[in-house]
Amino acid sequence: MILRGDSRDSRRKGGAVSGRPLPASRLTGTLAALAISLVALAAAPTIAAADTQAPRAPAKQIHVGPGPVSERLVAGSYRLQFQLTPNRATRTGVVVVSLTQRGRPIAGAHITLRVTMLDMNMGDFTTDLSPTRAGTYMRSFPVVGMSGHWQLRLSVKPREGQQVTFVLDDRMAA
């Protein structure tokens, strides 16, 4: 294979631009780099999929607030009742989650709440909810200090079954 370029540019010696064939070593190196790049591109989706622990069920997004939140969330056979009171940026609150599957309380689930301010970079915090009785989990909600648009990401991993993630966009008042 011989690559030839426009012979009008004679400033370079040897190579495609001068009209002369590329040296075999340069052509081999170029083809090797191209082959490696193609292999990396082909493998990228596989590597990305293997590295992530994304839930199988898609995240469901709900808009809530301002004021107390009481939302019934459904994903497949799971029913989740999410409550956040008083849902005020300047007051301590309480998060309560009740989790059932086919009408039965689910004990032993791992429930994580991640809170992120969407209006500006204030970092985020993650907390695990503690079981209070079969199928009910609770945690105090700290003073976040600033009203605005907050994302509440609730990840539920039952002892058996697939993880489900719910995303609530909360307009939290002061």
Protein backbone atom coordinates (compact mmCIF):
# COMPACT_ATOMS: atom_id res chain seq x y z
CA MET A 1 0.00 0.00 0.00
CA ILE A 2 1.42 3.36 -1.02
CA LEU A 3 0.02 6.63 0.28
CA ARG A 4 0.56 9.66 -1.95
CA GLY A 5 -0.34 13.24 -1.31
CA ASP A 6 -0.34 16.56 -3.08
CA SER A 7 3.05 17.05 -4.75
CA ARG A 8 2.70 20.86 -4.59
CA ASP A 9 4.13 20.88 -1.04
CA SER A 10 7.78 19.88 -1.41
CA ARG A 11 8.98 21.19 1.97
CA ARG A 12 8.83 17.74 3.54
CA LYS A 13 11.10 14.93 2.40
CA GLY A 14 9.59 11.48 2.12
CA GLY A 15 5.98 10.92 3.05
CA ALA A 16 2.55 11.46 1.63
CA VAL A 17 2.82 15.21 1.08
CA SER A 18 5.91 15.02 -1.11
CA GLY A 19 4.36 12.51 -3.49
CA ARG A 20 6.86 9.84 -2.49
CA PRO A 21 5.78 6.64 -0.75
CA LEU A 22 5.83 6.58 3.05
CA PRO A 23 8.75 4.59 4.46
CA ALA A 24 7.68 1.10 5.50
CA SER A 25 8.61 1.69 9.17
CA ARG A 26 6.49 4.84 9.36
CA LEU A 27 3.57 3.16 7.61
CA THR A 28 3.79 0.13 9.92
CA GLY A 29 3.85 2.37 13.02
CA THR A 30 0.88 4.38 11.77
CA LEU A 31 -1.15 1.26 11.02
CA ALA A 32 -0.24 -0.25 14.42
CA ALA A 33 -1.41 2.91 16.23
CA LEU A 34 -4.63 2.90 14.21
CA ALA A 35 -5.26 -0.78 15.04
CA ILE A 36 -4.68 -0.18 18.77
CA SER A 37 -7.05 2.80 18.71
CA LEU A 38 -9.77 0.76 17.00
CA VAL A 39 -9.42 -2.07 19.51
CA ALA A 40 -9.63 0.42 22.41
CA LEU A 41 -12.74 2.04 20.93
CA ALA A 42 -14.41 -1.32 20.39
CA ALA A 43 -13.65 -2.39 23.98
CA ALA A 44 -14.67 0.91 25.62
CA PRO A 45 -18.40 0.11 26.00
CA THR A 46 -17.55 -3.32 27.45
CA ILE A 47 -15.06 -1.85 29.91
CA ALA A 48 -17.46 0.92 30.94
CA ALA A 49 -20.29 -1.57 31.46
CA ALA A 50 -18.07 -3.84 33.56
CA ASP A 51 -16.87 -0.95 35.77
CA THR A 52 -20.28 0.49 36.63
CA GLN A 53 -22.74 -0.93 39.12
CA ALA A 54 -25.74 0.75 37.50
CA PRO A 55 -29.14 -0.46 38.64
CA ARG A 56 -31.01 -2.66 36.19
CA ALA A 57 -34.19 -0.66 36.59
CA PRO A 58 -34.05 2.88 35.22
CA ALA A 59 -34.04 5.73 37.68
CA LYS A 60 -37.44 7.33 38.05
CA GLN A 61 -37.48 11.10 38.46
CA ILE A 62 -40.11 12.95 40.46
CA HIS A 63 -40.43 16.68 41.20
CA VAL A 64 -41.35 17.58 44.81
CA GLY A 65 -41.37 20.53 47.20
CA PRO A 66 -41.38 23.04 48.53
CA GLY A 67 -42.80 21.76 51.79
CA PRO A 68 -43.23 18.28 53.28
CA VAL A 69 -42.81 15.39 50.84
CA SER A 70 -44.90 12.23 50.79
CA GLU A 71 -44.46 10.28 47.56
CA ARG A 72 -45.48 6.76 46.60
CA LEU A 73 -42.87 5.36 44.22
CA VAL A 74 -43.30 2.19 42.16
CA ALA A 75 -40.72 0.08 40.32
CA GLY A 76 -41.85 -3.32 39.12
CA SER A 77 -43.20 -5.25 42.11
CA TYR A 78 -41.62 -2.81 44.62
CA ARG A 79 -43.70 -0.14 46.36
CA LEU A 80 -41.90 2.55 48.28
CA GLN A 81 -43.40 5.33 50.37
CA PHE A 82 -40.92 8.21 50.76
CA GLN A 83 -41.47 10.94 53.35
CA LEU A 84 -39.33 13.98 54.16
CA THR A 85 -40.57 16.40 56.81
CA PRO A 86 -40.44 19.32 57.20
CA ASN A 87 -38.32 19.58 53.99
CA ARG A 88 -36.80 22.93 54.97
CA ALA A 89 -33.19 23.90 54.28
CA THR A 90 -32.78 25.61 57.66
CA ARG A 91 -34.34 22.93 59.87
CA THR A 92 -33.46 19.36 60.80
CA GLY A 93 -35.85 16.90 59.24
CA VAL A 94 -36.72 13.21 59.14
CA VAL A 95 -36.66 10.80 56.20
CA VAL A 96 -38.90 7.73 56.44
CA VAL A 97 -39.09 5.02 53.78
CA SER A 98 -41.55 2.13 53.81
CA LEU A 99 -40.68 -0.66 51.36
CA THR A 100 -42.93 -3.51 50.25
CA GLN A 101 -42.97 -6.11 47.51
CA ARG A 102 -46.31 -7.60 46.49
CA GLY A 103 -47.82 -6.12 49.64
CA ARG A 104 -45.26 -7.61 52.05
CA PRO A 105 -42.72 -5.49 54.00
CA ILE A 106 -39.12 -5.98 52.88
CA ALA A 107 -36.70 -6.31 55.78
CA GLY A 108 -32.92 -6.24 55.42
CA ALA A 109 -32.72 -3.86 52.46
CA HIS A 110 -29.82 -1.44 52.13
CA ILE A 111 -31.23 2.03 51.48
CA THR A 112 -28.92 4.95 50.71
CA LEU A 113 -29.88 8.60 50.30
CA ARG A 114 -27.55 10.91 48.37
CA VAL A 115 -28.29 14.64 48.51
CA THR A 116 -26.80 17.07 45.98
CA MET A 117 -27.43 20.78 45.41
CA LEU A 118 -28.13 21.36 41.73
CA ASP A 119 -28.02 25.18 41.71
CA MET A 120 -24.36 25.43 42.73
CA ASN A 121 -21.47 23.22 43.79
CA MET A 122 -21.89 22.63 47.50
CA GLY A 123 -20.71 19.05 47.38
CA ASP A 124 -23.07 16.30 48.36
CA PHE A 125 -23.61 13.94 51.23
CA THR A 126 -24.67 10.31 51.41
CA THR A 127 -26.32 8.57 54.31
CA ASP A 128 -27.73 5.11 54.95
CA LEU A 129 -31.21 4.76 56.36
CA SER A 130 -31.57 2.52 59.42
CA PRO A 131 -34.31 -0.09 59.81
CA THR A 132 -36.86 0.74 62.49
CA ARG A 133 -39.18 -2.24 61.92
CA ALA A 134 -39.83 -4.71 59.08
CA GLY A 135 -39.99 -2.76 55.84
CA THR A 136 -39.51 0.70 57.43
CA TYR A 137 -36.27 2.68 57.38
CA MET A 138 -35.49 6.08 58.86
CA ARG A 139 -32.77 8.73 59.21
CA SER A 140 -32.62 12.30 60.42
CA PHE A 141 -32.12 14.82 57.62
CA PRO A 142 -29.54 17.51 58.43
CA VAL A 143 -29.78 21.25 57.96
CA VAL A 144 -28.48 21.83 54.42
CA GLY A 145 -28.29 25.58 54.97
CA MET A 146 -29.46 26.86 51.59
CA SER A 147 -32.82 26.83 49.89
CA GLY A 148 -32.90 25.88 46.24
CA HIS A 149 -32.97 22.95 43.88
CA TRP A 150 -31.73 19.73 45.50
CA GLN A 151 -31.51 16.23 44.08
CA LEU A 152 -32.45 13.38 46.40
CA ARG A 153 -31.17 10.07 44.98
CA LEU A 154 -32.59 7.08 46.80
CA SER A 155 -30.91 3.72 46.07
CA VAL A 156 -32.68 0.62 47.35
CA LYS A 157 -30.90 -2.74 47.33
CA PRO A 158 -33.07 -5.51 48.75
CA ARG A 159 -31.34 -8.51 50.31
CA GLU A 160 -32.57 -10.50 47.32
CA GLY A 161 -33.41 -8.91 43.99
CA GLN A 162 -32.19 -6.03 41.92
CA GLN A 163 -31.26 -2.53 43.01
CA VAL A 164 -33.74 0.23 42.24
CA THR A 165 -32.89 3.93 42.18
CA PHE A 166 -35.34 6.81 42.47
CA VAL A 167 -34.44 10.43 41.83
CA LEU A 168 -36.46 13.23 43.36
CA ASP A 169 -35.84 16.84 42.33
CA ASP A 170 -36.72 18.88 45.40
CA ARG A 171 -37.38 22.61 45.53
CA MET A 172 -36.41 23.13 49.15
CA ALA A 173 -37.45 26.35 50.86
CA ALA A 174 -35.56 28.05 53.70
